[in-house]
PDB file of N, CA and C in Angstrom:
ATOM      1  N   MET A   1     -37.964 -16.116 -50.644  1.00  0.00           N
ATOM      2  CA  MET A   1     -36.536 -16.158 -50.646  1.00  0.00           C
ATOM      3  C   MET A   1     -36.071 -16.035 -52.104  1.00  0.00           C
ATOM      4  N   TYR A   2     -35.067 -15.194 -52.314  1.00  0.00           N
ATOM      5  CA  TYR A   2     -34.561 -14.932 -53.657  1.00  0.00           C
ATOM      6  C   TYR A   2     -33.091 -15.337 -53.750  1.00  0.00           C
ATOM      7  N   PRO A   3     -32.794 -16.392 -54.479  1.00  0.00           N
ATOM      8  CA  PRO A   3     -31.384 -16.750 -54.651  1.00  0.00           C
ATOM      9  C   PRO A   3     -30.729 -15.804 -55.658  1.00  0.00           C
ATOM     10  N   TYR A   4     -29.448 -15.561 -55.484  1.00  0.00           N
ATOM     11  CA  TYR A   4     -28.701 -14.752 -56.444  1.00  0.00           C
ATOM     12  C   TYR A   4     -27.304 -15.339 -56.610  1.00  0.00           C
ATOM     13  N   HIS A   5     -26.672 -15.011 -57.709  1.00  0.00           N
ATOM     14  CA  HIS A   5     -25.280 -15.402 -57.936  1.00  0.00           C
ATOM     15  C   HIS A   5     -24.627 -14.404 -58.886  1.00  0.00           C
ATOM     16  N   TYR A   6     -23.329 -14.352 -58.803  1.00  0.00           N
ATOM     17  CA  TYR A   6     -22.545 -13.462 -59.638  1.00  0.00           C
ATOM     18  C   TYR A   6     -21.893 -14.321 -60.707  1.00  0.00           C
ATOM     19  N   LYS A   7     -22.248 -14.099 -61.976  1.00  0.00           N
ATOM     20  CA  LYS A   7     -21.807 -14.977 -63.064  1.00  0.00           C
ATOM     21  C   LYS A   7     -20.292 -15.064 -63.204  1.00  0.00           C
ATOM     22  N   ILE A   8     -19.600 -13.972 -62.985  1.00  0.00           N
ATOM     23  CA  ILE A   8     -18.146 -13.981 -63.172  1.00  0.00           C
ATOM     24  C   ILE A   8     -17.441 -14.741 -62.045  1.00  0.00           C
ATOM     25  N   HIS A   9     -17.962 -14.622 -60.823  1.00  0.00           N
ATOM     26  CA  HIS A   9     -17.383 -15.299 -59.663  1.00  0.00           C
ATOM     27  C   HIS A   9     -18.438 -16.218 -59.049  1.00  0.00           C
ATOM     28  N   PRO A  10     -18.517 -17.480 -59.475  1.00  0.00           N
ATOM     29  CA  PRO A  10     -19.569 -18.383 -59.009  1.00  0.00           C
ATOM     30  C   PRO A  10     -19.602 -18.587 -57.490  1.00  0.00           C
ATOM     31  N   PHE A  11     -18.490 -18.324 -56.809  1.00  0.00           N
ATOM     32  CA  PHE A  11     -18.476 -18.484 -55.352  1.00  0.00           C
ATOM     33  C   PHE A  11     -19.254 -17.360 -54.654  1.00  0.00           C
ATOM     34  N   MET A  12     -19.596 -16.321 -55.413  1.00  0.00           N
ATOM     35  CA  MET A  12     -20.364 -15.212 -54.846  1.00  0.00           C
ATOM     36  C   MET A  12     -21.850 -15.478 -55.086  1.00  0.00           C
ATOM     37  N   HIS A  13     -22.503 -16.023 -54.082  1.00  0.00           N
ATOM     38  CA  HIS A  13     -23.922 -16.357 -54.188  1.00  0.00           C
ATOM     39  C   HIS A  13     -24.545 -16.324 -52.805  1.00  0.00           C
ATOM     40  N   GLY A  14     -25.852 -16.339 -52.770  1.00  0.00           N
ATOM     41  CA  GLY A  14     -26.559 -16.341 -51.501  1.00  0.00           C
ATOM     42  C   GLY A  14     -28.056 -16.269 -51.717  1.00  0.00           C
ATOM     43  N   LYS A  15     -28.775 -16.016 -50.649  1.00  0.00           N
ATOM     44  CA  LYS A  15     -30.229 -15.907 -50.707  1.00  0.00           C
ATOM     45  C   LYS A  15     -30.661 -14.689 -49.904  1.00  0.00           C
ATOM     46  N   ILE A  16     -31.670 -14.014 -50.403  1.00  0.00           N
ATOM     47  CA  ILE A  16     -32.221 -12.844 -49.720  1.00  0.00           C
ATOM     48  C   ILE A  16     -33.654 -13.162 -49.320  1.00  0.00           C
ATOM     49  N   ARG A  17     -33.975 -12.900 -48.077  1.00  0.00           N
ATOM     50  CA  ARG A  17     -35.353 -13.066 -47.600  1.00  0.00           C
ATOM     51  C   ARG A  17     -35.980 -11.687 -47.498  1.00  0.00           C
ATOM     52  N   VAL A  18     -37.169 -11.540 -48.077  1.00  0.00           N
ATOM     53  CA  VAL A  18     -37.866 -10.265 -48.049  1.00  0.00           C
ATOM     54  C   VAL A  18     -39.208 -10.479 -47.353  1.00  0.00           C
ATOM     55  N   PRO A  19     -39.367  -9.939 -46.141  1.00  0.00           N
ATOM     56  CA  PRO A  19     -40.653 -10.110 -45.452  1.00  0.00           C
ATOM     57  C   PRO A  19     -41.737  -9.278 -46.125  1.00  0.00           C
ATOM     58  N   ILE A  20     -42.938  -9.799 -46.090  1.00  0.00           N
ATOM     59  CA  ILE A  20     -44.089  -9.086 -46.634  1.00  0.00           C
ATOM     60  C   ILE A  20     -44.915  -8.576 -45.462  1.00  0.00           C
ATOM     61  N   LYS A  21     -45.209  -7.292 -45.472  1.00  0.00           N
ATOM     62  CA  LYS A  21     -46.020  -6.697 -44.412  1.00  0.00           C
ATOM     63  C   LYS A  21     -47.336  -6.238 -45.021  1.00  0.00           C
ATOM     64  N   VAL A  22     -48.439  -6.805 -44.525  1.00  0.00           N
ATOM     65  CA  VAL A  22     -49.773  -6.453 -45.004  1.00  0.00           C
ATOM     66  C   VAL A  22     -50.586  -5.970 -43.812  1.00  0.00           C
ATOM     67  N   SER A  23     -51.286  -4.848 -44.007  1.00  0.00           N
ATOM     68  CA  SER A  23     -52.095  -4.289 -42.938  1.00  0.00           C
ATOM     69  C   SER A  23     -53.453  -3.879 -43.499  1.00  0.00           C
ATOM     70  N   PRO A  24     -54.561  -4.241 -42.844  1.00  0.00           N
ATOM     71  CA  PRO A  24     -54.673  -5.020 -41.622  1.00  0.00           C
ATOM     72  C   PRO A  24     -54.351  -6.495 -41.884  1.00  0.00           C
ATOM     73  N   ALA A  25     -54.179  -7.257 -40.807  1.00  0.00           N
ATOM     74  CA  ALA A  25     -53.829  -8.673 -40.926  1.00  0.00           C
ATOM     75  C   ALA A  25     -54.981  -9.506 -41.479  1.00  0.00           C
ATOM     76  N   ASP A  26     -56.218  -9.056 -41.307  1.00  0.00           N
ATOM     77  CA  ASP A  26     -57.375  -9.793 -41.785  1.00  0.00           C
ATOM     78  C   ASP A  26     -58.505  -8.798 -42.038  1.00  0.00           C
ATOM     79  N   GLY A  27     -59.506  -9.228 -42.803  1.00  0.00           N
ATOM     80  CA  GLY A  27     -60.642  -8.359 -43.074  1.00  0.00           C
ATOM     81  C   GLY A  27     -61.639  -9.042 -43.982  1.00  0.00           C
ATOM     82  N   GLY A  28     -62.838  -8.514 -44.029  1.00  0.00           N
ATOM     83  CA  GLY A  28     -63.889  -9.080 -44.856  1.00  0.00           C
ATOM     84  C   GLY A  28     -63.825  -8.582 -46.287  1.00  0.00           C
ATOM     85  N   THR A  29     -64.765  -9.053 -47.107  1.00  0.00           N
ATOM     86  CA  THR A  29     -64.859  -8.615 -48.492  1.00  0.00           C
ATOM     87  C   THR A  29     -64.979  -7.099 -48.526  1.00  0.00           C
ATOM     88  N   GLY A  30     -64.213  -6.470 -49.377  1.00  0.00           N
ATOM     89  CA  GLY A  30     -64.222  -5.024 -49.479  1.00  0.00           C
ATOM     90  C   GLY A  30     -63.153  -4.339 -48.637  1.00  0.00           C
ATOM     91  N   THR A  31     -62.430  -5.101 -47.821  1.00  0.00           N
ATOM     92  CA  THR A  31     -61.350  -4.524 -47.018  1.00  0.00           C
ATOM     93  C   THR A  31     -60.195  -4.130 -47.932  1.00  0.00           C
ATOM     94  N   VAL A  32     -59.656  -2.945 -47.719  1.00  0.00           N
ATOM     95  CA  VAL A  32     -58.484  -2.491 -48.469  1.00  0.00           C
ATOM     96  C   VAL A  32     -57.249  -2.812 -47.642  1.00  0.00           C
ATOM     97  N   PHE A  33     -56.320  -3.542 -48.219  1.00  0.00           N
ATOM     98  CA  PHE A  33     -55.087  -3.926 -47.562  1.00  0.00           C
ATOM     99  C   PHE A  33     -53.939  -3.082 -48.090  1.00  0.00           C
ATOM    100  N   THR A  34     -53.067  -2.652 -47.199  1.00  0.00           N
ATOM    101  CA  THR A  34     -51.857  -1.940 -47.595  1.00  0.00           C
ATOM    102  C   THR A  34     -50.697  -2.913 -47.514  1.00  0.00           C
ATOM    103  N   ASN A  35     -49.985  -3.058 -48.622  1.00  0.00           N
ATOM    104  CA  ASN A  35     -48.852  -3.965 -48.724  1.00  0.00           C
ATOM    105  C   ASN A  35     -47.573  -3.134 -48.725  1.00  0.00           C
ATOM    106  N   THR A  36     -46.787  -3.248 -47.658  1.00  0.00           N
ATOM    107  CA  THR A  36     -45.545  -2.496 -47.558  1.00  0.00           C
ATOM    108  C   THR A  36     -44.472  -3.191 -48.379  1.00  0.00           C
ATOM    109  N   LEU A  37     -43.864  -2.459 -49.301  1.00  0.00           N
ATOM    110  CA  LEU A  37     -42.838  -3.012 -50.175  1.00  0.00           C
ATOM    111  C   LEU A  37     -41.441  -2.739 -49.652  1.00  0.00           C
ATOM    112  N   SER A  38     -41.281  -1.610 -48.979  1.00  0.00           N
ATOM    113  CA  SER A  38     -39.955  -1.222 -48.518  1.00  0.00           C
ATOM    114  C   SER A  38     -40.083  -0.222 -47.376  1.00  0.00           C
ATOM    115  N   ALA A  39     -39.049  -0.154 -46.551  1.00  0.00           N
ATOM    116  CA  ALA A  39     -39.024   0.816 -45.465  1.00  0.00           C
ATOM    117  C   ALA A  39     -38.457   2.152 -45.930  1.00  0.00           C
ATOM    118  N   ALA A  40     -37.776   2.153 -47.067  1.00  0.00           N
ATOM    119  CA  ALA A  40     -37.172   3.375 -47.594  1.00  0.00           C
ATOM    120  C   ALA A  40     -37.129   3.299 -49.111  1.00  0.00           C
ATOM    121  N   SER A  41     -37.027   4.463 -49.733  1.00  0.00           N
ATOM    122  CA  SER A  41     -36.925   4.490 -51.189  1.00  0.00           C
ATOM    123  C   SER A  41     -35.553   5.013 -51.595  1.00  0.00           C
ATOM    124  N   ARG A  42     -35.232   4.797 -52.857  1.00  0.00           N
ATOM    125  CA  ARG A  42     -33.958   5.258 -53.383  1.00  0.00           C
ATOM    126  C   ARG A  42     -34.194   5.834 -54.772  1.00  0.00           C
ATOM    127  N   ALA A  43     -33.702   7.013 -55.016  1.00  0.00           N
ATOM    128  CA  ALA A  43     -33.897   7.677 -56.302  1.00  0.00           C
ATOM    129  C   ALA A  43     -33.398   6.785 -57.436  1.00  0.00           C
ATOM    130  N   GLY A  44     -34.211   6.681 -58.489  1.00  0.00           N
ATOM    131  CA  GLY A  44     -33.827   5.897 -59.649  1.00  0.00           C
ATOM    132  C   GLY A  44     -34.203   4.426 -59.588  1.00  0.00           C
ATOM    133  N   TYR A  45     -34.776   3.976 -58.467  1.00  0.00           N
ATOM    134  CA  TYR A  45     -35.173   2.577 -58.320  1.00  0.00           C
ATOM    135  C   TYR A  45     -36.691   2.468 -58.219  1.00  0.00           C
ATOM    136  N   SER A  46     -37.216   1.312 -58.594  1.00  0.00           N
ATOM    137  CA  SER A  46     -38.648   1.074 -58.500  1.00  0.00           C
ATOM    138  C   SER A  46     -38.885  -0.397 -58.203  1.00  0.00           C
ATOM    139  N   PHE A  47     -40.149  -0.735 -57.969  1.00  0.00           N
ATOM    140  CA  PHE A  47     -40.539  -2.113 -57.691  1.00  0.00           C
ATOM    141  C   PHE A  47     -41.441  -2.615 -58.803  1.00  0.00           C
ATOM    142  N   ASP A  48     -41.290  -3.879 -59.149  1.00  0.00           N
ATOM    143  CA  ASP A  48     -42.271  -4.585 -59.955  1.00  0.00           C
ATOM    144  C   ASP A  48     -42.979  -5.510 -58.982  1.00  0.00           C
ATOM    145  N   VAL A  49     -44.301  -5.423 -58.920  1.00  0.00           N
ATOM    146  CA  VAL A  49     -45.066  -6.172 -57.935  1.00  0.00           C
ATOM    147  C   VAL A  49     -45.793  -7.312 -58.633  1.00  0.00           C
ATOM    148  N   GLN A  50     -45.624  -8.508 -58.088  1.00  0.00           N
ATOM    149  CA  GLN A  50     -46.304  -9.690 -58.611  1.00  0.00           C
ATOM    150  C   GLN A  50     -47.243 -10.222 -57.553  1.00  0.00           C
ATOM    151  N   ASN A  51     -48.229 -11.012 -57.981  1.00  0.00           N
ATOM    152  CA  ASN A  51     -49.102 -11.670 -57.016  1.00  0.00           C
ATOM    153  C   ASN A  51     -49.540 -13.021 -57.539  1.00  0.00           C
ATOM    154  N   LYS A  52     -50.039 -13.813 -56.624  1.00  0.00           N
ATOM    155  CA  LYS A  52     -50.678 -15.071 -56.989  1.00  0.00           C
ATOM    156  C   LYS A  52     -51.775 -15.323 -55.972  1.00  0.00           C
ATOM    157  N   VAL A  53     -52.812 -16.001 -56.403  1.00  0.00           N
ATOM    158  CA  VAL A  53     -53.949 -16.305 -55.550  1.00  0.00           C
ATOM    159  C   VAL A  53     -54.138 -17.811 -55.565  1.00  0.00           C
ATOM    160  N   GLY A  54     -54.257 -18.406 -54.403  1.00  0.00           N
ATOM    161  CA  GLY A  54     -54.468 -19.844 -54.335  1.00  0.00           C
ATOM    162  C   GLY A  54     -53.170 -20.629 -54.427  1.00  0.00           C
ATOM    163  N   THR A  55     -53.310 -21.941 -54.484  1.00  0.00           N
ATOM    164  CA  THR A  55     -52.130 -22.810 -54.470  1.00  0.00           C
ATOM    165  C   THR A  55     -52.126 -23.851 -55.580  1.00  0.00           C
ATOM    166  N   THR A  56     -53.164 -23.866 -56.425  1.00  0.00           N
ATOM    167  CA  THR A  56     -53.208 -24.883 -57.478  1.00  0.00           C
ATOM    168  C   THR A  56     -53.618 -24.271 -58.813  1.00  0.00           C
ATOM    169  N   GLY A  57     -53.362 -24.985 -59.868  1.00  0.00           N
ATOM    170  CA  GLY A  57     -53.806 -24.576 -61.200  1.00  0.00           C
ATOM    171  C   GLY A  57     -53.212 -23.258 -61.645  1.00  0.00           C
ATOM    172  N   ILE A  58     -53.965 -22.522 -62.465  1.00  0.00           N
ATOM    173  CA  ILE A  58     -53.464 -21.265 -63.017  1.00  0.00           C
ATOM    174  C   ILE A  58     -53.257 -20.205 -61.937  1.00  0.00           C
ATOM    175  N   TRP A  59     -53.907 -20.364 -60.789  1.00  0.00           N
ATOM    176  CA  TRP A  59     -53.763 -19.379 -59.707  1.00  0.00           C
ATOM    177  C   TRP A  59     -52.458 -19.548 -58.959  1.00  0.00           C
ATOM    178  N   ASN A  60     -51.720 -20.607 -59.223  1.00  0.00           N
ATOM    179  CA  ASN A  60     -50.464 -20.851 -58.533  1.00  0.00           C
ATOM    180  C   ASN A  60     -49.279 -20.224 -59.269  1.00  0.00           C
ATOM    181  N   THR A  61     -49.531 -19.414 -60.266  1.00  0.00           N
ATOM    182  CA  THR A  61     -48.485 -18.791 -61.054  1.00  0.00           C
ATOM    183  C   THR A  61     -48.361 -17.318 -60.675  1.00  0.00           C
ATOM    184  N   TRP A  62     -47.131 -16.873 -60.440  1.00  0.00           N
ATOM    185  CA  TRP A  62     -46.906 -15.453 -60.163  1.00  0.00           C
ATOM    186  C   TRP A  62     -47.188 -14.660 -61.421  1.00  0.00           C
ATOM    187  N   LYS A  63     -47.934 -13.563 -61.293  1.00  0.00           N
ATOM    188  CA  LYS A  63     -48.279 -12.707 -62.420  1.00  0.00           C
ATOM    189  C   LYS A  63     -47.933 -11.264 -62.071  1.00  0.00           C
ATOM    190  N   THR A  64     -47.469 -10.517 -63.060  1.00  0.00           N
ATOM    191  CA  THR A  64     -47.155  -9.114 -62.835  1.00  0.00           C
ATOM    192  C   THR A  64     -48.437  -8.353 -62.551  1.00  0.00           C
ATOM    193  N   TRP A  65     -48.444  -7.615 -61.463  1.00  0.00           N
ATOM    194  CA  TRP A  65     -49.620  -6.852 -61.045  1.00  0.00           C
ATOM    195  C   TRP A  65     -49.403  -5.362 -61.290  1.00  0.00           C
ATOM    196  N   LYS A  66     -48.253  -4.830 -60.864  1.00  0.00           N
ATOM    197  CA  LYS A  66     -47.922  -3.423 -61.070  1.00  0.00           C
ATOM    198  C   LYS A  66     -46.442  -3.324 -61.406  1.00  0.00           C
ATOM    199  N   THR A  67     -46.085  -2.379 -62.258  1.00  0.00           N
ATOM    200  CA  THR A  67     -44.682  -2.200 -62.622  1.00  0.00           C
ATOM    201  C   THR A  67     -44.234  -0.776 -62.316  1.00  0.00           C
ATOM    202  N   GLU A  68     -42.953  -0.630 -62.121  1.00  0.00           N
ATOM    203  CA  GLU A  68     -42.315   0.662 -61.880  1.00  0.00           C
ATOM    204  C   GLU A  68     -42.962   1.453 -60.744  1.00  0.00           C
ATOM    205  N   VAL A  69     -43.279   0.762 -59.654  1.00  0.00           N
ATOM    206  CA  VAL A  69     -43.864   1.391 -58.473  1.00  0.00           C
ATOM    207  C   VAL A  69     -42.746   2.091 -57.704  1.00  0.00           C
ATOM    208  N   THR A  70     -42.935   3.371 -57.411  1.00  0.00           N
ATOM    209  CA  THR A  70     -41.921   4.126 -56.674  1.00  0.00           C
ATOM    210  C   THR A  70     -42.349   4.433 -55.245  1.00  0.00           C
ATOM    211  N   SER A  71     -43.591   4.129 -54.895  1.00  0.00           N
ATOM    212  CA  SER A  71     -44.068   4.362 -53.530  1.00  0.00           C
ATOM    213  C   SER A  71     -43.590   3.220 -52.626  1.00  0.00           C
ATOM    214  N   LEU A  72     -43.673   3.429 -51.323  1.00  0.00           N
ATOM    215  CA  LEU A  72     -43.234   2.421 -50.363  1.00  0.00           C
ATOM    216  C   LEU A  72     -44.253   1.312 -50.160  1.00  0.00           C
ATOM    217  N   GLY A  73     -45.462   1.486 -50.705  1.00  0.00           N
ATOM    218  CA  GLY A  73     -46.494   0.471 -50.554  1.00  0.00           C
ATOM    219  C   GLY A  73     -47.557   0.587 -51.615  1.00  0.00           C
ATOM    220  N   VAL A  74     -48.358  -0.458 -51.725  1.00  0.00           N
ATOM    221  CA  VAL A  74     -49.483  -0.485 -52.660  1.00  0.00           C
ATOM    222  C   VAL A  74     -50.693  -1.024 -51.905  1.00  0.00           C
ATOM    223  N   THR A  75     -51.881  -0.801 -52.449  1.00  0.00           N
ATOM    224  CA  THR A  75     -53.085  -1.314 -51.807  1.00  0.00           C
ATOM    225  C   THR A  75     -53.752  -2.351 -52.689  1.00  0.00           C
ATOM    226  N   SER A  76     -54.460  -3.267 -52.054  1.00  0.00           N
ATOM    227  CA  SER A  76     -55.229  -4.274 -52.774  1.00  0.00           C
ATOM    228  C   SER A  76     -56.565  -4.433 -52.069  1.00  0.00           C
ATOM    229  N   LEU A  77     -57.561  -4.882 -52.789  1.00  0.00           N
ATOM    230  CA  LEU A  77     -58.917  -5.037 -52.269  1.00  0.00           C
ATOM    231  C   LEU A  77     -59.239  -6.512 -52.130  1.00  0.00           C
ATOM    232  N   ARG A  78     -59.802  -6.897 -50.992  1.00  0.00           N
ATOM    233  CA  ARG A  78     -60.184  -8.298 -50.791  1.00  0.00           C
ATOM    234  C   ARG A  78     -61.250  -8.675 -51.804  1.00  0.00           C
ATOM    235  N   SER A  79     -61.034  -9.773 -52.488  1.00  0.00           N
ATOM    236  CA  SER A  79     -61.913 -10.211 -53.559  1.00  0.00           C
ATOM    237  C   SER A  79     -63.038 -11.091 -53.042  1.00  0.00           C
ATOM    238  N   ALA A  80     -64.247 -10.818 -53.482  1.00  0.00           N
ATOM    239  CA  ALA A  80     -65.381 -11.667 -53.116  1.00  0.00           C
ATOM    240  C   ALA A  80     -65.252 -13.036 -53.769  1.00  0.00           C
ATOM    241  N   ARG A  81     -64.580 -13.090 -54.949  1.00  0.00           N
ATOM    242  CA  ARG A  81     -64.434 -14.346 -55.683  1.00  0.00           C
ATOM    243  C   ARG A  81     -63.546 -15.324 -54.931  1.00  0.00           C
ATOM    244  N   THR A  82     -62.387 -14.841 -54.453  1.00  0.00           N
ATOM    245  CA  THR A  82     -61.446 -15.742 -53.803  1.00  0.00           C
ATOM    246  C   THR A  82     -61.564 -15.715 -52.290  1.00  0.00           C
ATOM    247  N   GLY A  83     -62.114 -14.617 -51.763  1.00  0.00           N
ATOM    248  CA  GLY A  83     -62.224 -14.505 -50.308  1.00  0.00           C
ATOM    249  C   GLY A  83     -60.907 -14.217 -49.634  1.00  0.00           C
ATOM    250  N   SER A  84     -59.884 -13.860 -50.404  1.00  0.00           N
ATOM    251  CA  SER A  84     -58.588 -13.569 -49.783  1.00  0.00           C
ATOM    252  C   SER A  84     -57.955 -12.369 -50.469  1.00  0.00           C
ATOM    253  N   PRO A  85     -57.109 -11.665 -49.738  1.00  0.00           N
ATOM    254  CA  PRO A  85     -56.461 -10.503 -50.354  1.00  0.00           C
ATOM    255  C   PRO A  85     -55.415 -10.942 -51.363  1.00  0.00           C
ATOM    256  N   ALA A  86     -55.090 -10.058 -52.272  1.00  0.00           N
ATOM    257  CA  ALA A  86     -53.991 -10.338 -53.179  1.00  0.00           C
ATOM    258  C   ALA A  86     -52.726 -10.490 -52.353  1.00  0.00           C
ATOM    259  N   SER A  87     -51.753 -11.203 -52.882  1.00  0.00           N
ATOM    260  CA  SER A  87     -50.507 -11.423 -52.159  1.00  0.00           C
ATOM    261  C   SER A  87     -49.359 -10.839 -52.932  1.00  0.00           C
ATOM    262  N   PRO A  88     -49.284  -9.511 -53.018  1.00  0.00           N
ATOM    263  CA  PRO A  88     -48.220  -8.915 -53.791  1.00  0.00           C
ATOM    264  C   PRO A  88     -46.864  -9.100 -53.145  1.00  0.00           C
ATOM    265  N   LEU A  89     -45.888  -9.086 -53.942  1.00  0.00           N
ATOM    266  CA  LEU A  89     -44.531  -9.209 -53.454  1.00  0.00           C
ATOM    267  C   LEU A  89     -43.681  -8.236 -54.228  1.00  0.00           C
ATOM    268  N   GLY A  90     -42.974  -7.390 -53.554  1.00  0.00           N
ATOM    269  CA  GLY A  90     -42.117  -6.419 -54.233  1.00  0.00           C
ATOM    270  C   GLY A  90     -40.769  -7.000 -54.550  1.00  0.00           C
ATOM    271  N   SER A  91     -40.265  -6.713 -55.706  1.00  0.00           N
ATOM    272  CA  SER A  91     -38.913  -7.107 -56.042  1.00  0.00           C
ATOM    273  C   SER A  91     -38.233  -5.952 -56.740  1.00  0.00           C
ATOM    274  N   PRO A  92     -36.990  -5.671 -56.406  1.00  0.00           N
ATOM    275  CA  PRO A  92     -36.319  -4.542 -57.034  1.00  0.00           C
ATOM    276  C   PRO A  92     -36.210  -4.723 -58.528  1.00  0.00           C
ATOM    277  N   SER A  93     -36.352  -3.655 -59.253  1.00  0.00           N
ATOM    278  CA  SER A  93     -36.213  -3.733 -60.709  1.00  0.00           C
ATOM    279  C   SER A  93     -35.135  -2.793 -61.168  1.00  0.00           C
TER     280      SER A  93
END
């Protein structure tokens, strides 16, 4: 969920929910996952993709993974180290 507000008019605020679609839903080490960022593209816009692995320590911090992505999706490889796929999240830039 992404909160937003308009600085000039503080009453203009809200939250945006962006669902993450990953395919396949599960897989073993070496599985390539496709992460859908958007259903459509728009000329002049791109995505900055962040990810985090795990829930504690340094792995609980969102880190920039890819920048200026113009495709509708990106792929990630299941890691033998963590046993889980990356969890990218697209955000408009």
